[in-house]
Amino acid sequence: MYPNLTGLGINEPEQIERYSLRQEAHKDVLKIYFRKQKGELFAKSVKFKYPRQVKSVLVDGGSHQYKNITEINRNLTLVIDELNKITKPQKPAEVDVKQKILTDLRHLEKVVASKIAEIEADLEKLK
C-alpha cells in the first residue's frame, strides 16, 4: 500500500505519527517519528538524507547564461505523498517567519557546537 515507505525499510507505516523535512546544504533531511510504544521513554525516529537535484536553467537567452538551481528529489516527493496520506497534516496557519528563522538558527548552533566538540576531541587524541 505504501511502496516507497516499504522501500525505506518501514514495515509498519501505520505506526508513523508525524514527520519533519528540512534542508541542510545540498540535501533534504526527512525525519520520520513513530508512535511511542508502551514502556518506551522516547518515541523512535529514523532519518533519511536525499541529495537535491541540480538543474541548469537558462537565465538570459541573449547571452546564453545558465544558472544552477536545486530542487527536491523525485523519490522524496513520492515518500512525502505517502506520509501525507498517513499523517494527514493540518494546513499550517500563517507561518511566523521570524520564529522559523530563529528555530533554524538555534538548530544550526547546536550542529556547529557538536561538530566543534567532535573536532576538538579528535585533536586531543593526537596529543
PDB file of N, CA and C in Angstrom:
ATOM      1  N   MET A   1       0.816  -1.194   0.000  1.00  0.00           N
ATOM      2  CA  MET A   1       0.000   0.000   0.000  1.00  0.00           C
ATOM      3  C   MET A   1       0.864   1.265   0.000  1.00  0.00           C
ATOM      4  N   TYR A   2       2.044   1.165   0.622  1.00  0.00           N
ATOM      5  CA  TYR A   2       2.984   2.288   0.670  1.00  0.00           C
ATOM      6  C   TYR A   2       4.345   1.803   0.168  1.00  0.00           C
ATOM      7  N   PRO A   3       4.490   1.610  -1.137  1.00  0.00           N
ATOM      8  CA  PRO A   3       5.727   1.010  -1.666  1.00  0.00           C
ATOM      9  C   PRO A   3       6.986   1.830  -1.408  1.00  0.00           C
ATOM     10  N   ASN A   4       6.880   3.147  -1.404  1.00  0.00           N
ATOM     11  CA  ASN A   4       8.076   3.965  -1.182  1.00  0.00           C
ATOM     12  C   ASN A   4       8.541   3.903   0.265  1.00  0.00           C
ATOM     13  N   LEU A   5       7.608   3.884   1.205  1.00  0.00           N
ATOM     14  CA  LEU A   5       7.986   3.747   2.623  1.00  0.00           C
ATOM     15  C   LEU A   5       8.536   2.349   2.891  1.00  0.00           C
ATOM     16  N   THR A   6       7.924   1.344   2.286  1.00  0.00           N
ATOM     17  CA  THR A   6       8.414  -0.025   2.433  1.00  0.00           C
ATOM     18  C   THR A   6       9.832  -0.125   1.877  1.00  0.00           C
ATOM     19  N   GLY A   7      10.083   0.574   0.778  1.00  0.00           N
ATOM     20  CA  GLY A   7      11.418   0.589   0.187  1.00  0.00           C
ATOM     21  C   GLY A   7      12.468   1.201   1.107  1.00  0.00           C
ATOM     22  N   LEU A   8      12.030   2.056   2.021  1.00  0.00           N
ATOM     23  CA  LEU A   8      12.937   2.646   3.011  1.00  0.00           C
ATOM     24  C   LEU A   8      13.162   1.728   4.211  1.00  0.00           C
ATOM     25  N   GLY A   9      12.441   0.603   4.236  1.00  0.00           N
ATOM     26  CA  GLY A   9      12.576  -0.323   5.352  1.00  0.00           C
ATOM     27  C   GLY A   9      11.544  -0.106   6.439  1.00  0.00           C
ATOM     28  N   ILE A  10      10.523   0.689   6.163  1.00  0.00           N
ATOM     29  CA  ILE A  10       9.464   0.924   7.145  1.00  0.00           C
ATOM     30  C   ILE A  10       8.365  -0.096   6.892  1.00  0.00           C
ATOM     31  N   ASN A  11       8.339  -1.104   7.753  1.00  0.00           N
ATOM     32  CA  ASN A  11       7.411  -2.219   7.553  1.00  0.00           C
ATOM     33  C   ASN A  11       6.049  -1.999   8.195  1.00  0.00           C
ATOM     34  N   GLU A  12       5.961  -1.056   9.121  1.00  0.00           N
ATOM     35  CA  GLU A  12       4.688  -0.765   9.788  1.00  0.00           C
ATOM     36  C   GLU A  12       4.367   0.720   9.652  1.00  0.00           C
ATOM     37  N   PRO A  13       3.978   1.154   8.454  1.00  0.00           N
ATOM     38  CA  PRO A  13       3.718   2.578   8.249  1.00  0.00           C
ATOM     39  C   PRO A  13       2.577   3.114   9.108  1.00  0.00           C
ATOM     40  N   GLU A  14       1.701   2.245   9.575  1.00  0.00           N
ATOM     41  CA  GLU A  14       0.589   2.711  10.419  1.00  0.00           C
ATOM     42  C   GLU A  14       1.077   3.202  11.782  1.00  0.00           C
ATOM     43  N   GLN A  15       2.327   2.923  12.128  1.00  0.00           N
ATOM     44  CA  GLN A  15       2.907   3.385  13.394  1.00  0.00           C
ATOM     45  C   GLN A  15       3.505   4.792  13.285  1.00  0.00           C
ATOM     46  N   ILE A  16       3.517   5.348  12.068  1.00  0.00           N
ATOM     47  CA  ILE A  16       4.079   6.690  11.866  1.00  0.00           C
ATOM     48  C   ILE A  16       3.132   7.724  12.465  1.00  0.00           C
ATOM     49  N   GLU A  17       3.700   8.603  13.262  1.00  0.00           N
ATOM     50  CA  GLU A  17       2.904   9.653  13.905  1.00  0.00           C
ATOM     51  C   GLU A  17       3.017  10.984  13.163  1.00  0.00           C
ATOM     52  N   ARG A  18       4.254  11.346  12.783  1.00  0.00           N
ATOM     53  CA  ARG A  18       4.486  12.612  12.098  1.00  0.00           C
ATOM     54  C   ARG A  18       5.846  12.548  11.418  1.00  0.00           C
ATOM     55  N   TYR A  19       6.149  13.622  10.683  1.00  0.00           N
ATOM     56  CA  TYR A  19       7.459  13.713  10.047  1.00  0.00           C
ATOM     57  C   TYR A  19       7.876  15.167   9.959  1.00  0.00           C
ATOM     58  N   SER A  20       9.172  15.371   9.750  1.00  0.00           N
ATOM     59  CA  SER A  20       9.672  16.726   9.527  1.00  0.00           C
ATOM     60  C   SER A  20      10.605  16.688   8.323  1.00  0.00           C
ATOM     61  N   LEU A  21      10.713  17.823   7.675  1.00  0.00           N
ATOM     62  CA  LEU A  21      11.562  17.928   6.494  1.00  0.00           C
ATOM     63  C   LEU A  21      12.314  19.240   6.588  1.00  0.00           C
ATOM     64  N   ARG A  22      13.631  19.186   6.434  1.00  0.00           N
ATOM     65  CA  ARG A  22      14.423  20.412   6.438  1.00  0.00           C
ATOM     66  C   ARG A  22      15.540  20.275   5.411  1.00  0.00           C
ATOM     67  N   GLN A  23      16.143  21.392   5.094  1.00  0.00           N
ATOM     68  CA  GLN A  23      17.203  21.408   4.100  1.00  0.00           C
ATOM     69  C   GLN A  23      18.516  21.733   4.782  1.00  0.00           C
ATOM     70  N   GLU A  24      19.533  20.925   4.512  1.00  0.00           N
ATOM     71  CA  GLU A  24      20.885  21.159   5.014  1.00  0.00           C
ATOM     72  C   GLU A  24      21.823  21.134   3.819  1.00  0.00           C
ATOM     73  N   ALA A  25      22.466  22.248   3.542  1.00  0.00           N
ATOM     74  CA  ALA A  25      23.384  22.363   2.408  1.00  0.00           C
ATOM     75  C   ALA A  25      22.681  21.899   1.134  1.00  0.00           C
ATOM     76  N   HIS A  26      23.188  20.870   0.500  1.00  0.00           N
ATOM     77  CA  HIS A  26      22.595  20.391  -0.754  1.00  0.00           C
ATOM     78  C   HIS A  26      21.838  19.088  -0.548  1.00  0.00           C
ATOM     79  N   LYS A  27      21.268  18.940   0.643  1.00  0.00           N
ATOM     80  CA  LYS A  27      20.492  17.731   0.963  1.00  0.00           C
ATOM     81  C   LYS A  27      19.202  18.118   1.657  1.00  0.00           C
ATOM     82  N   ASP A  28      18.179  17.300   1.442  1.00  0.00           N
ATOM     83  CA  ASP A  28      16.942  17.409   2.196  1.00  0.00           C
ATOM     84  C   ASP A  28      16.974  16.307   3.246  1.00  0.00           C
ATOM     85  N   VAL A  29      16.639  16.646   4.477  1.00  0.00           N
ATOM     86  CA  VAL A  29      16.663  15.678   5.569  1.00  0.00           C
ATOM     87  C   VAL A  29      15.231  15.409   6.006  1.00  0.00           C
ATOM     88  N   LEU A  30      14.821  14.150   5.848  1.00  0.00           N
ATOM     89  CA  LEU A  30      13.490  13.706   6.238  1.00  0.00           C
ATOM     90  C   LEU A  30      13.625  12.914   7.531  1.00  0.00           C
ATOM     91  N   LYS A  31      12.867  13.304   8.543  1.00  0.00           N
ATOM     92  CA  LYS A  31      12.877  12.576   9.809  1.00  0.00           C
ATOM     93  C   LYS A  31      11.461  12.098  10.079  1.00  0.00           C
ATOM     94  N   ILE A  32      11.317  10.798  10.268  1.00  0.00           N
ATOM     95  CA  ILE A  32      10.010  10.181  10.496  1.00  0.00           C
ATOM     96  C   ILE A  32       9.934   9.742  11.951  1.00  0.00           C
ATOM     97  N   TYR A  33       8.872  10.177  12.625  1.00  0.00           N
ATOM     98  CA  TYR A  33       8.667   9.854  14.034  1.00  0.00           C
ATOM     99  C   TYR A  33       7.555   8.814  14.155  1.00  0.00           C
ATOM    100  N   PHE A  34       7.791   7.812  14.992  1.00  0.00           N
ATOM    101  CA  PHE A  34       6.809   6.751  15.210  1.00  0.00           C
ATOM    102  C   PHE A  34       6.102   6.949  16.544  1.00  0.00           C
ATOM    103  N   ARG A  35       4.928   6.366  16.665  1.00  0.00           N
ATOM    104  CA  ARG A  35       4.182   6.446  17.931  1.00  0.00           C
ATOM    105  C   ARG A  35       4.995   5.773  19.032  1.00  0.00           C
ATOM    106  N   LYS A  36       4.932   6.364  20.195  1.00  0.00           N
ATOM    107  CA  LYS A  36       5.649   5.822  21.350  1.00  0.00           C
ATOM    108  C   LYS A  36       4.967   4.532  21.778  1.00  0.00           C
ATOM    109  N   GLN A  37       5.751   3.494  21.923  1.00  0.00           N
ATOM    110  CA  GLN A  37       5.227   2.204  22.354  1.00  0.00           C
ATOM    111  C   GLN A  37       5.194   2.138  23.878  1.00  0.00           C
ATOM    112  N   LYS A  38       4.349   1.309  24.388  1.00  0.00           N
ATOM    113  CA  LYS A  38       4.217   1.158  25.836  1.00  0.00           C
ATOM    114  C   LYS A  38       5.560   0.753  26.434  1.00  0.00           C
ATOM    115  N   GLY A  39       5.964   1.463  27.472  1.00  0.00           N
ATOM    116  CA  GLY A  39       7.215   1.165  28.144  1.00  0.00           C
ATOM    117  C   GLY A  39       8.424   1.905  27.581  1.00  0.00           C
ATOM    118  N   GLU A  40       8.263   2.588  26.460  1.00  0.00           N
ATOM    119  CA  GLU A  40       9.374   3.337  25.891  1.00  0.00           C
ATOM    120  C   GLU A  40       9.403   4.741  26.490  1.00  0.00           C
ATOM    121  N   LEU A  41      10.584   5.212  26.764  1.00  0.00           N
ATOM    122  CA  LEU A  41      10.729   6.560  27.299  1.00  0.00           C
ATOM    123  C   LEU A  41      10.578   7.593  26.181  1.00  0.00           C
ATOM    124  N   PHE A  42      11.184   7.296  25.035  1.00  0.00           N
ATOM    125  CA  PHE A  42      11.106   8.197  23.889  1.00  0.00           C
ATOM    126  C   PHE A  42      10.540   7.449  22.693  1.00  0.00           C
ATOM    127  N   ALA A  43       9.865   8.183  21.840  1.00  0.00           N
ATOM    128  CA  ALA A  43       9.381   7.591  20.589  1.00  0.00           C
ATOM    129  C   ALA A  43      10.572   7.402  19.649  1.00  0.00           C
ATOM    130  N   LYS A  44      10.505   6.378  18.822  1.00  0.00           N
ATOM    131  CA  LYS A  44      11.575   6.128  17.864  1.00  0.00           C
ATOM    132  C   LYS A  44      11.427   7.060  16.668  1.00  0.00           C
ATOM    133  N   SER A  45      12.552   7.309  16.021  1.00  0.00           N
ATOM    134  CA  SER A  45      12.533   8.088  14.789  1.00  0.00           C
ATOM    135  C   SER A  45      13.654   7.574  13.891  1.00  0.00           C
ATOM    136  N   VAL A  46      13.490   7.824  12.600  1.00  0.00           N
ATOM    137  CA  VAL A  46      14.526   7.474  11.633  1.00  0.00           C
ATOM    138  C   VAL A  46      14.757   8.691  10.747  1.00  0.00           C
ATOM    139  N   LYS A  47      16.001   8.810  10.259  1.00  0.00           N
ATOM    140  CA  LYS A  47      16.372   9.975   9.459  1.00  0.00           C
ATOM    141  C   LYS A  47      16.900   9.494   8.110  1.00  0.00           C
ATOM    142  N   PHE A  48      16.479  10.195   7.066  1.00  0.00           N
ATOM    143  CA  PHE A  48      16.933   9.898   5.712  1.00  0.00           C
ATOM    144  C   PHE A  48      17.418  11.190   5.069  1.00  0.00           C
ATOM    145  N   LYS A  49      18.515  11.088   4.321  1.00  0.00           N
ATOM    146  CA  LYS A  49      19.041  12.257   3.618  1.00  0.00           C
ATOM    147  C   LYS A  49      18.943  12.006   2.117  1.00  0.00           C
ATOM    148  N   TYR A  50      18.395  12.999   1.435  1.00  0.00           N
ATOM    149  CA  TYR A  50      18.236  12.933  -0.014  1.00  0.00           C
ATOM    150  C   TYR A  50      19.013  14.072  -0.654  1.00  0.00           C
ATOM    151  N   PRO A  51      19.902  13.766  -1.608  1.00  0.00           N
ATOM    152  CA  PRO A  51      20.596  14.855  -2.301  1.00  0.00           C
ATOM    153  C   PRO A  51      19.612  15.628  -3.167  1.00  0.00           C
ATOM    154  N   ARG A  52      19.784  16.924  -3.214  1.00  0.00           N
ATOM    155  CA  ARG A  52      18.909  17.751  -4.052  1.00  0.00           C
ATOM    156  C   ARG A  52      19.337  17.609  -5.507  1.00  0.00           C
ATOM    157  N   GLN A  53      18.379  17.639  -6.399  1.00  0.00           N
ATOM    158  CA  GLN A  53      18.674  17.528  -7.820  1.00  0.00           C
ATOM    159  C   GLN A  53      19.080  18.898  -8.350  1.00  0.00           C
ATOM    160  N   VAL A  54      20.149  18.927  -9.145  1.00  0.00           N
ATOM    161  CA  VAL A  54      20.653  20.173  -9.702  1.00  0.00           C
ATOM    162  C   VAL A  54      20.204  20.269 -11.162  1.00  0.00           C
ATOM    163  N   LYS A  55      19.661  21.426 -11.504  1.00  0.00           N
ATOM    164  CA  LYS A  55      19.232  21.674 -12.877  1.00  0.00           C
ATOM    165  C   LYS A  55      19.836  22.986 -13.343  1.00  0.00           C
ATOM    166  N   SER A  56      20.177  23.035 -14.625  1.00  0.00           N
ATOM    167  CA  SER A  56      20.639  24.282 -15.226  1.00  0.00           C
ATOM    168  C   SER A  56      19.444  24.943 -15.903  1.00  0.00           C
ATOM    169  N   VAL A  57      19.225  26.204 -15.574  1.00  0.00           N
ATOM    170  CA  VAL A  57      18.097  26.947 -16.114  1.00  0.00           C
ATOM    171  C   VAL A  57      18.640  28.144 -16.891  1.00  0.00           C
ATOM    172  N   LEU A  58      18.090  28.366 -18.068  1.00  0.00           N
ATOM    173  CA  LEU A  58      18.504  29.497 -18.889  1.00  0.00           C
ATOM    174  C   LEU A  58      18.036  30.789 -18.232  1.00  0.00           C
ATOM    175  N   VAL A  59      18.997  31.666 -17.919  1.00  0.00           N
ATOM    176  CA  VAL A  59      18.688  32.926 -17.254  1.00  0.00           C
ATOM    177  C   VAL A  59      18.493  34.036 -18.280  1.00  0.00           C
ATOM    178  N   ASP A  60      19.398  34.087 -19.244  1.00  0.00           N
ATOM    179  CA  ASP A  60      19.355  35.148 -20.255  1.00  0.00           C
ATOM    180  C   ASP A  60      19.555  34.509 -21.626  1.00  0.00           C
ATOM    181  N   GLY A  61      18.492  34.515 -22.412  1.00  0.00           N
ATOM    182  CA  GLY A  61      18.544  33.888 -23.729  1.00  0.00           C
ATOM    183  C   GLY A  61      19.517  34.564 -24.670  1.00  0.00           C
ATOM    184  N   GLY A  62      19.683  35.886 -24.556  1.00  0.00           N
ATOM    185  CA  GLY A  62      20.576  36.615 -25.449  1.00  0.00           C
ATOM    186  C   GLY A  62      22.027  36.238 -25.264  1.00  0.00           C
ATOM    187  N   SER A  63      22.444  36.094 -24.014  1.00  0.00           N
ATOM    188  CA  SER A  63      23.855  35.770 -23.745  1.00  0.00           C
ATOM    189  C   SER A  63      24.047  34.288 -23.416  1.00  0.00           C
ATOM    190  N   HIS A  64      22.980  33.532 -23.479  1.00  0.00           N
ATOM    191  CA  HIS A  64      23.020  32.090 -23.188  1.00  0.00           C
ATOM    192  C   HIS A  64      23.622  31.796 -21.819  1.00  0.00           C
ATOM    193  N   GLN A  65      23.225  32.567 -20.811  1.00  0.00           N
ATOM    194  CA  GLN A  65      23.712  32.336 -19.453  1.00  0.00           C
ATOM    195  C   GLN A  65      22.773  31.372 -18.749  1.00  0.00           C
ATOM    196  N   TYR A  66      23.376  30.425 -18.049  1.00  0.00           N
ATOM    197  CA  TYR A  66      22.620  29.442 -17.296  1.00  0.00           C
ATOM    198  C   TYR A  66      22.920  29.591 -15.819  1.00  0.00           C
ATOM    199  N   LYS A  67      21.959  29.208 -15.015  1.00  0.00           N
ATOM    200  CA  LYS A  67      22.131  29.241 -13.565  1.00  0.00           C
ATOM    201  C   LYS A  67      21.734  27.870 -13.021  1.00  0.00           C
ATOM    202  N   ASN A  68      22.552  27.341 -12.119  1.00  0.00           N
ATOM    203  CA  ASN A  68      22.220  26.063 -11.485  1.00  0.00           C
ATOM    204  C   ASN A  68      21.238  26.300 -10.341  1.00  0.00           C
ATOM    205  N   ILE A  69      20.163  25.557 -10.342  1.00  0.00           N
ATOM    206  CA  ILE A  69      19.209  25.603  -9.233  1.00  0.00           C
ATOM    207  C   ILE A  69      19.040  24.190  -8.705  1.00  0.00           C
ATOM    208  N   THR A  70      18.604  24.092  -7.458  1.00  0.00           N
ATOM    209  CA  THR A  70      18.367  22.768  -6.889  1.00  0.00           C
ATOM    210  C   THR A  70      16.885  22.618  -6.599  1.00  0.00           C
ATOM    211  N   GLU A  71      16.433  21.372  -6.643  1.00  0.00           N
ATOM    212  CA  GLU A  71      15.047  21.093  -6.303  1.00  0.00           C
ATOM    213  C   GLU A  71      14.974  19.753  -5.603  1.00  0.00           C
ATOM    214  N   ILE A  72      13.829  19.514  -4.993  1.00  0.00           N
ATOM    215  CA  ILE A  72      13.631  18.309  -4.195  1.00  0.00           C
ATOM    216  C   ILE A  72      13.735  17.055  -5.068  1.00  0.00           C
ATOM    217  N   ASN A  73      14.309  16.019  -4.502  1.00  0.00           N
ATOM    218  CA  ASN A  73      14.476  14.732  -5.172  1.00  0.00           C
ATOM    219  C   ASN A  73      13.104  14.109  -5.450  1.00  0.00           C
ATOM    220  N   ARG A  74      12.924  13.564  -6.642  1.00  0.00           N
ATOM    221  CA  ARG A  74      11.632  12.978  -7.040  1.00  0.00           C
ATOM    222  C   ARG A  74      11.217  11.850  -6.089  1.00  0.00           C
ATOM    223  N   ASN A  75      12.162  11.010  -5.682  1.00  0.00           N
ATOM    224  CA  ASN A  75      11.828   9.917  -4.762  1.00  0.00           C
ATOM    225  C   ASN A  75      11.303  10.453  -3.434  1.00  0.00           C
ATOM    226  N   LEU A  76      11.882  11.560  -2.990  1.00  0.00           N
ATOM    227  CA  LEU A  76      11.440  12.162  -1.736  1.00  0.00           C
ATOM    228  C   LEU A  76      10.004  12.669  -1.861  1.00  0.00           C
ATOM    229  N   THR A  77       9.647  13.235  -3.002  1.00  0.00           N
ATOM    230  CA  THR A  77       8.259  13.706  -3.170  1.00  0.00           C
ATOM    231  C   THR A  77       7.280  12.543  -3.092  1.00  0.00           C
ATOM    232  N   LEU A  78       7.665  11.395  -3.625  1.00  0.00           N
ATOM    233  CA  LEU A  78       6.792  10.215  -3.555  1.00  0.00           C
ATOM    234  C   LEU A  78       6.628   9.736  -2.110  1.00  0.00           C
ATOM    235  N   VAL A  79       7.725   9.754  -1.348  1.00  0.00           N
ATOM    236  CA  VAL A  79       7.670   9.355   0.061  1.00  0.00           C
ATOM    237  C   VAL A  79       6.790  10.330   0.843  1.00  0.00           C
ATOM    238  N   ILE A  80       6.942  11.627   0.584  1.00  0.00           N
ATOM    239  CA  ILE A  80       6.149  12.639   1.287  1.00  0.00           C
ATOM    240  C   ILE A  80       4.661  12.476   0.974  1.00  0.00           C
ATOM    241  N   ASP A  81       4.333  12.153  -0.274  1.00  0.00           N
ATOM    242  CA  ASP A  81       2.928  11.908  -0.626  1.00  0.00           C
ATOM    243  C   ASP A  81       2.343  10.782   0.227  1.00  0.00           C
ATOM    244  N   GLU A  82       3.111   9.709   0.392  1.00  0.00           N
ATOM    245  CA  GLU A  82       2.643   8.588   1.219  1.00  0.00           C
ATOM    246  C   GLU A  82       2.545   9.010   2.683  1.00  0.00           C
ATOM    247  N   LEU A  83       3.524   9.766   3.168  1.00  0.00           N
ATOM    248  CA  LEU A  83       3.486  10.226   4.557  1.00  0.00           C
ATOM    249  C   LEU A  83       2.276  11.128   4.803  1.00  0.00           C
ATOM    250  N   ASN A  84       1.947  11.968   3.840  1.00  0.00           N
ATOM    251  CA  ASN A  84       0.783  12.844   3.982  1.00  0.00           C
ATOM    252  C   ASN A  84      -0.515  12.043   4.054  1.00  0.00           C
ATOM    253  N   LYS A  85      -0.580  10.932   3.348  1.00  0.00           N
ATOM    254  CA  LYS A  85      -1.778  10.076   3.421  1.00  0.00           C
ATOM    255  C   LYS A  85      -1.916   9.473   4.815  1.00  0.00           C
ATOM    256  N   ILE A  86      -0.788   9.144   5.419  1.00  0.00           N
ATOM    257  CA  ILE A  86      -0.806   8.504   6.742  1.00  0.00           C
ATOM    258  C   ILE A  86      -1.057   9.529   7.846  1.00  0.00           C
ATOM    259  N   THR A  87      -0.328  10.637   7.790  1.00  0.00           N
ATOM    260  CA  THR A  87      -0.377  11.601   8.895  1.00  0.00           C
ATOM    261  C   THR A  87      -1.455  12.652   8.728  1.00  0.00           C
ATOM    262  N   LYS A  88      -1.952  12.836   7.516  1.00  0.00           N
ATOM    263  CA  LYS A  88      -2.979  13.853   7.235  1.00  0.00           C
ATOM    264  C   LYS A  88      -2.641  15.166   7.926  1.00  0.00           C
ATOM    265  N   PRO A  89      -1.514  15.800   7.525  1.00  0.00           N
ATOM    266  CA  PRO A  89      -1.085  17.026   8.213  1.00  0.00           C
ATOM    267  C   PRO A  89      -2.095  18.152   8.053  1.00  0.00           C
ATOM    268  N   GLN A  90      -2.178  18.947   9.091  1.00  0.00           N
ATOM    269  CA  GLN A  90      -3.054  20.122   9.075  1.00  0.00           C
ATOM    270  C   GLN A  90      -2.386  21.192   8.236  1.00  0.00           C
ATOM    271  N   LYS A  91      -3.181  21.979   7.559  1.00  0.00           N
ATOM    272  CA  LYS A  91      -2.637  23.130   6.849  1.00  0.00           C
ATOM    273  C   LYS A  91      -2.121  24.098   7.908  1.00  0.00           C
ATOM    274  N   PRO A  92      -0.845  24.470   7.810  1.00  0.00           N
ATOM    275  CA  PRO A  92      -0.333  25.373   8.843  1.00  0.00           C
ATOM    276  C   PRO A  92      -1.007  26.731   8.754  1.00  0.00           C
ATOM    277  N   ALA A  93      -1.270  27.274   9.924  1.00  0.00           N
ATOM    278  CA  ALA A  93      -1.763  28.651   9.952  1.00  0.00           C
ATOM    279  C   ALA A  93      -0.617  29.503   9.435  1.00  0.00           C
ATOM    280  N   GLU A  94      -0.797  30.756   9.385  1.00  0.00           N
ATOM    281  CA  GLU A  94       0.231  31.621   8.850  1.00  0.00           C
ATOM    282  C   GLU A  94       1.555  31.359   9.571  1.00  0.00           C
ATOM    283  N   VAL A  95       2.585  31.093   8.785  1.00  0.00           N
ATOM    284  CA  VAL A  95       3.894  30.774   9.341  1.00  0.00           C
ATOM    285  C   VAL A  95       4.552  32.050   9.850  1.00  0.00           C
ATOM    286  N   ASP A  96       5.036  31.982  11.085  1.00  0.00           N
ATOM    287  CA  ASP A  96       5.763  33.104  11.656  1.00  0.00           C
ATOM    288  C   ASP A  96       7.211  33.005  11.162  1.00  0.00           C
ATOM    289  N   VAL A  97       7.541  33.801  10.167  1.00  0.00           N
ATOM    290  CA  VAL A  97       8.849  33.730   9.521  1.00  0.00           C
ATOM    291  C   VAL A  97       9.968  33.998  10.515  1.00  0.00           C
ATOM    292  N   LYS A  98       9.787  34.977  11.376  1.00  0.00           N
ATOM    293  CA  LYS A  98      10.824  35.297  12.363  1.00  0.00           C
ATOM    294  C   LYS A  98      11.079  34.108  13.279  1.00  0.00           C
ATOM    295  N   GLN A  99      10.019  33.456  13.733  1.00  0.00           N
ATOM    296  CA  GLN A  99      10.171  32.304  14.626  1.00  0.00           C
ATOM    297  C   GLN A  99      10.848  31.141  13.908  1.00  0.00           C
ATOM    298  N   LYS A 100      10.515  30.932  12.642  1.00  0.00           N
ATOM    299  CA  LYS A 100      11.131  29.861  11.869  1.00  0.00           C
ATOM    300  C   LYS A 100      12.623  30.117  11.712  1.00  0.00           C
ATOM    301  N   ILE A 101      12.995  31.370  11.421  1.00  0.00           N
ATOM    302  CA  ILE A 101      14.409  31.705  11.269  1.00  0.00           C
ATOM    303  C   ILE A 101      15.150  31.493  12.584  1.00  0.00           C
ATOM    304  N   LEU A 102      14.546  31.909  13.688  1.00  0.00           N
ATOM    305  CA  LEU A 102      15.181  31.704  14.994  1.00  0.00           C
ATOM    306  C   LEU A 102      15.340  30.218  15.311  1.00  0.00           C
ATOM    307  N   THR A 103      14.328  29.432  14.998  1.00  0.00           N
ATOM    308  CA  THR A 103      14.399  27.986  15.224  1.00  0.00           C
ATOM    309  C   THR A 103      15.512  27.373  14.382  1.00  0.00           C
ATOM    310  N   ASP A 104      15.584  27.756  13.112  1.00  0.00           N
ATOM    311  CA  ASP A 104      16.643  27.254  12.233  1.00  0.00           C
ATOM    312  C   ASP A 104      18.018  27.670  12.743  1.00  0.00           C
ATOM    313  N   LEU A 105      18.121  28.887  13.236  1.00  0.00           N
ATOM    314  CA  LEU A 105      19.392  29.381  13.758  1.00  0.00           C
ATOM    315  C   LEU A 105      19.825  28.580  14.992  1.00  0.00           C
ATOM    316  N   ARG A 106      18.899  28.323  15.892  1.00  0.00           N
ATOM    317  CA  ARG A 106      19.224  27.542  17.105  1.00  0.00           C
ATOM    318  C   ARG A 106      19.672  26.126  16.722  1.00  0.00           C
ATOM    319  N   HIS A 107      18.999  25.537  15.729  1.00  0.00           N
ATOM    320  CA  HIS A 107      19.384  24.200  15.277  1.00  0.00           C
ATOM    321  C   HIS A 107      20.801  24.228  14.700  1.00  0.00           C
ATOM    322  N   LEU A 108      21.094  25.244  13.896  1.00  0.00           N
ATOM    323  CA  LEU A 108      22.414  25.377  13.304  1.00  0.00           C
ATOM    324  C   LEU A 108      23.478  25.541  14.389  1.00  0.00           C
ATOM    325  N   GLU A 109      23.179  26.321  15.431  1.00  0.00           N
ATOM    326  CA  GLU A 109      24.121  26.499  16.538  1.00  0.00           C
ATOM    327  C   GLU A 109      24.446  25.163  17.194  1.00  0.00           C
ATOM    328  N   LYS A 110      23.431  24.334  17.399  1.00  0.00           N
ATOM    329  CA  LYS A 110      23.654  23.021  18.016  1.00  0.00           C
ATOM    330  C   LYS A 110      24.515  22.135  17.129  1.00  0.00           C
ATOM    331  N   VAL A 111      24.243  22.140  15.821  1.00  0.00           N
ATOM    332  CA  VAL A 111      25.010  21.317  14.886  1.00  0.00           C
ATOM    333  C   VAL A 111      26.464  21.754  14.868  1.00  0.00           C
ATOM    334  N   VAL A 112      26.702  23.070  14.809  1.00  0.00           N
ATOM    335  CA  VAL A 112      28.071  23.594  14.769  1.00  0.00           C
ATOM    336  C   VAL A 112      28.795  23.292  16.081  1.00  0.00           C
ATOM    337  N   ALA A 113      28.132  23.503  17.210  1.00  0.00           N
ATOM    338  CA  ALA A 113      28.755  23.226  18.507  1.00  0.00           C
ATOM    339  C   ALA A 113      29.124  21.750  18.630  1.00  0.00           C
ATOM    340  N   SER A 114      28.258  20.895  18.164  1.00  0.00           N
ATOM    341  CA  SER A 114      28.526  19.455  18.210  1.00  0.00           C
ATOM    342  C   SER A 114      29.725  19.097  17.340  1.00  0.00           C
ATOM    343  N   LYS A 115      29.796  19.669  16.161  1.00  0.00           N
ATOM    344  CA  LYS A 115      30.909  19.385  15.250  1.00  0.00           C
ATOM    345  C   LYS A 115      32.213  19.913  15.814  1.00  0.00           C
ATOM    346  N   ILE A 116      32.190  21.100  16.423  1.00  0.00           N
ATOM    347  CA  ILE A 116      33.398  21.657  17.044  1.00  0.00           C
ATOM    348  C   ILE A 116      33.881  20.742  18.165  1.00  0.00           C
ATOM    349  N   ALA A 117      32.971  20.271  18.986  1.00  0.00           N
ATOM    350  CA  ALA A 117      33.340  19.361  20.077  1.00  0.00           C
ATOM    351  C   ALA A 117      33.950  18.072  19.527  1.00  0.00           C
ATOM    352  N   GLU A 118      33.398  17.570  18.443  1.00  0.00           N
ATOM    353  CA  GLU A 118      33.911  16.351  17.822  1.00  0.00           C
ATOM    354  C   GLU A 118      35.330  16.569  17.298  1.00  0.00           C
ATOM    355  N   ILE A 119      35.572  17.700  16.649  1.00  0.00           N
ATOM    356  CA  ILE A 119      36.891  18.011  16.110  1.00  0.00           C
ATOM    357  C   ILE A 119      37.893  18.222  17.239  1.00  0.00           C
ATOM    358  N   GLU A 120      37.475  18.904  18.304  1.00  0.00           N
ATOM    359  CA  GLU A 120      38.367  19.114  19.452  1.00  0.00           C
ATOM    360  C   GLU A 120      38.728  17.785  20.109  1.00  0.00           C
ATOM    361  N   ALA A 121      37.776  16.873  20.201  1.00  0.00           N
ATOM    362  CA  ALA A 121      38.068  15.541  20.753  1.00  0.00           C
ATOM    363  C   ALA A 121      39.065  14.802  19.893  1.00  0.00           C
ATOM    364  N   ASP A 122      38.933  14.924  18.572  1.00  0.00           N
ATOM    365  CA  ASP A 122      39.892  14.294  17.668  1.00  0.00           C
ATOM    366  C   ASP A 122      41.274  14.898  17.841  1.00  0.00           C
ATOM    367  N   LEU A 123      41.352  16.214  18.062  1.00  0.00           N
ATOM    368  CA  LEU A 123      42.634  16.866  18.285  1.00  0.00           C
ATOM    369  C   LEU A 123      43.296  16.380  19.569  1.00  0.00           C
ATOM    370  N   GLU A 124      42.488  16.187  20.613  1.00  0.00           N
ATOM    371  CA  GLU A 124      43.012  15.705  21.895  1.00  0.00           C
ATOM    372  C   GLU A 124      43.620  14.309  21.749  1.00  0.00           C
ATOM    373  N   LYS A 125      43.054  13.510  20.868  1.00  0.00           N
ATOM    374  CA  LYS A 125      43.577  12.156  20.647  1.00  0.00           C
ATOM    375  C   LYS A 125      44.958  12.194  20.000  1.00  0.00           C
ATOM    376  N   LEU A 126      45.237  13.275  19.268  1.00  0.00           N
ATOM    377  CA  LEU A 126      46.522  13.395  18.572  1.00  0.00           C
ATOM    378  C   LEU A 126      47.649  13.837  19.488  1.00  0.00           C
ATOM    379  N   LYS A 127      47.335  14.345  20.664  1.00  0.00           N
ATOM    380  CA  LYS A 127      48.376  14.847  21.581  1.00  0.00           C
ATOM    381  C   LYS A 127      49.109  13.725  22.262  1.00  0.00           C
TER     382      LYS A 127
END
